[in-house]
C-alpha cells in the first residue's frame, strides 16, 4: 500500500477546510490519486505549526498551498 499523494491539514468547524476537502476529493477522484485529512487540533505540534493557516494542502509530502485549492495547479502537480 502506498501513502496518499495528497494530505489536507484541517480542523473541525472550518468552512474553508470543508471546501478544500470537497475540492481535493473531487480532483483526486478524477485523477485517481489517494488523499487523506489530518486534524491539526489532534496534535499540539501540528496545532503550533499550522495555527490558523488551515487548510494546508500537501502533495507528496511537500506543502502545495493553503486556504484555497488552486485546481489547475493541483491537477498539474498530480499529473
Protein backbone atom coordinates (compact mmCIF):
# COMPACT_ATOMS: atom_id res chain seq x y z
CA UNK A 1 0.00 0.00 0.00
CA UNK A 2 1.33 3.43 -0.94
CA UNK A 3 0.98 6.61 1.05
CA UNK A 4 -1.66 9.10 -0.05
CA UNK A 5 -0.29 11.63 -2.52
CA UNK A 6 -2.36 14.48 -1.05
CA UNK A 7 -2.80 15.42 2.60
CA UNK A 8 -5.19 18.13 3.72
CA UNK A 9 -4.47 19.59 7.16
CA UNK A 10 -7.81 20.74 8.59
CA UNK A 11 -9.75 21.41 11.77
CA UNK A 12 -13.36 20.91 12.80
CA UNK A 13 -15.88 23.68 12.12
CA UNK A 14 -13.69 25.29 9.45
CA UNK A 15 -15.63 26.33 6.35
CA UNK A 16 -12.54 26.75 4.18
CA UNK A 17 -11.40 23.29 5.30
CA UNK A 18 -14.70 21.73 4.23
CA UNK A 19 -14.46 23.46 0.84
CA UNK A 20 -10.86 22.31 0.38
CA UNK A 21 -11.72 18.72 1.32
CA UNK A 22 -14.56 18.68 -1.22
CA UNK A 23 -12.30 20.10 -3.96
CA UNK A 24 -9.46 17.68 -3.17
CA UNK A 25 -11.86 14.71 -3.07
CA UNK A 26 -13.26 15.64 -6.49
CA UNK A 27 -9.88 16.33 -8.11
CA UNK A 28 -8.18 13.27 -6.63
CA UNK A 29 -11.16 11.17 -7.68
CA UNK A 30 -10.82 12.47 -11.24
CA UNK A 31 -7.10 11.69 -11.47
CA UNK A 32 -7.06 8.53 -9.33
CA UNK A 33 -4.85 9.92 -6.55
CA UNK A 34 -5.17 8.86 -2.92
CA UNK A 35 -5.70 11.54 -0.30
CA UNK A 36 -6.26 11.90 3.41
CA UNK A 37 -7.00 14.52 6.05
CA UNK A 38 -5.24 15.33 9.31
CA UNK A 39 -6.92 17.32 12.08
CA UNK A 40 -4.29 19.81 13.27
CA UNK A 41 -6.02 20.06 16.65
CA UNK A 42 -5.30 16.37 17.29
CA UNK A 43 -1.63 17.09 17.96
CA UNK A 44 -0.13 20.07 19.82
CA UNK A 45 2.85 20.18 17.45
CA UNK A 46 0.58 20.35 14.39
CA UNK A 47 -1.60 22.97 16.05
CA UNK A 48 1.52 25.04 16.81
CA UNK A 49 2.86 24.64 13.27
CA UNK A 50 -0.33 25.43 11.37
CA UNK A 51 -2.22 27.68 13.79
CA UNK A 52 -4.98 29.42 11.86
CA UNK A 53 -3.31 28.74 8.50
CA UNK A 54 -5.65 25.90 7.55
CA UNK A 55 -6.49 24.22 5.34
CA UNK A 56 -2.99 23.37 4.16
CA UNK A 57 -2.61 21.05 1.18
CA UNK A 58 0.48 18.87 0.78
CA UNK A 59 1.36 16.91 -2.33
CA UNK A 60 3.90 14.10 -1.99
CA UNK A 61 4.95 15.40 1.44
CA UNK A 62 5.59 18.99 0.33
CA UNK A 63 3.41 21.99 1.05
CA UNK A 64 1.45 22.84 -2.07
CA UNK A 65 -0.82 25.62 -0.84
CA UNK A 66 -3.12 26.86 1.87
CA UNK A 67 -6.57 28.35 2.43
CA UNK A 68 -7.88 27.60 -1.09
CA UNK A 69 -7.33 24.81 -3.60
CA UNK A 70 -5.90 26.07 -6.89
CA UNK A 71 -7.49 23.42 -9.09
CA UNK A 72 -5.34 23.78 -12.22
CA UNK A 73 -2.15 23.85 -10.15
CA UNK A 74 -3.18 20.80 -8.11
CA UNK A 75 -4.11 18.86 -11.24
CA UNK A 76 -0.73 19.71 -12.77
CA UNK A 77 1.09 18.55 -9.63
CA UNK A 78 -0.76 15.24 -9.73
CA UNK A 79 -0.23 14.65 -13.48
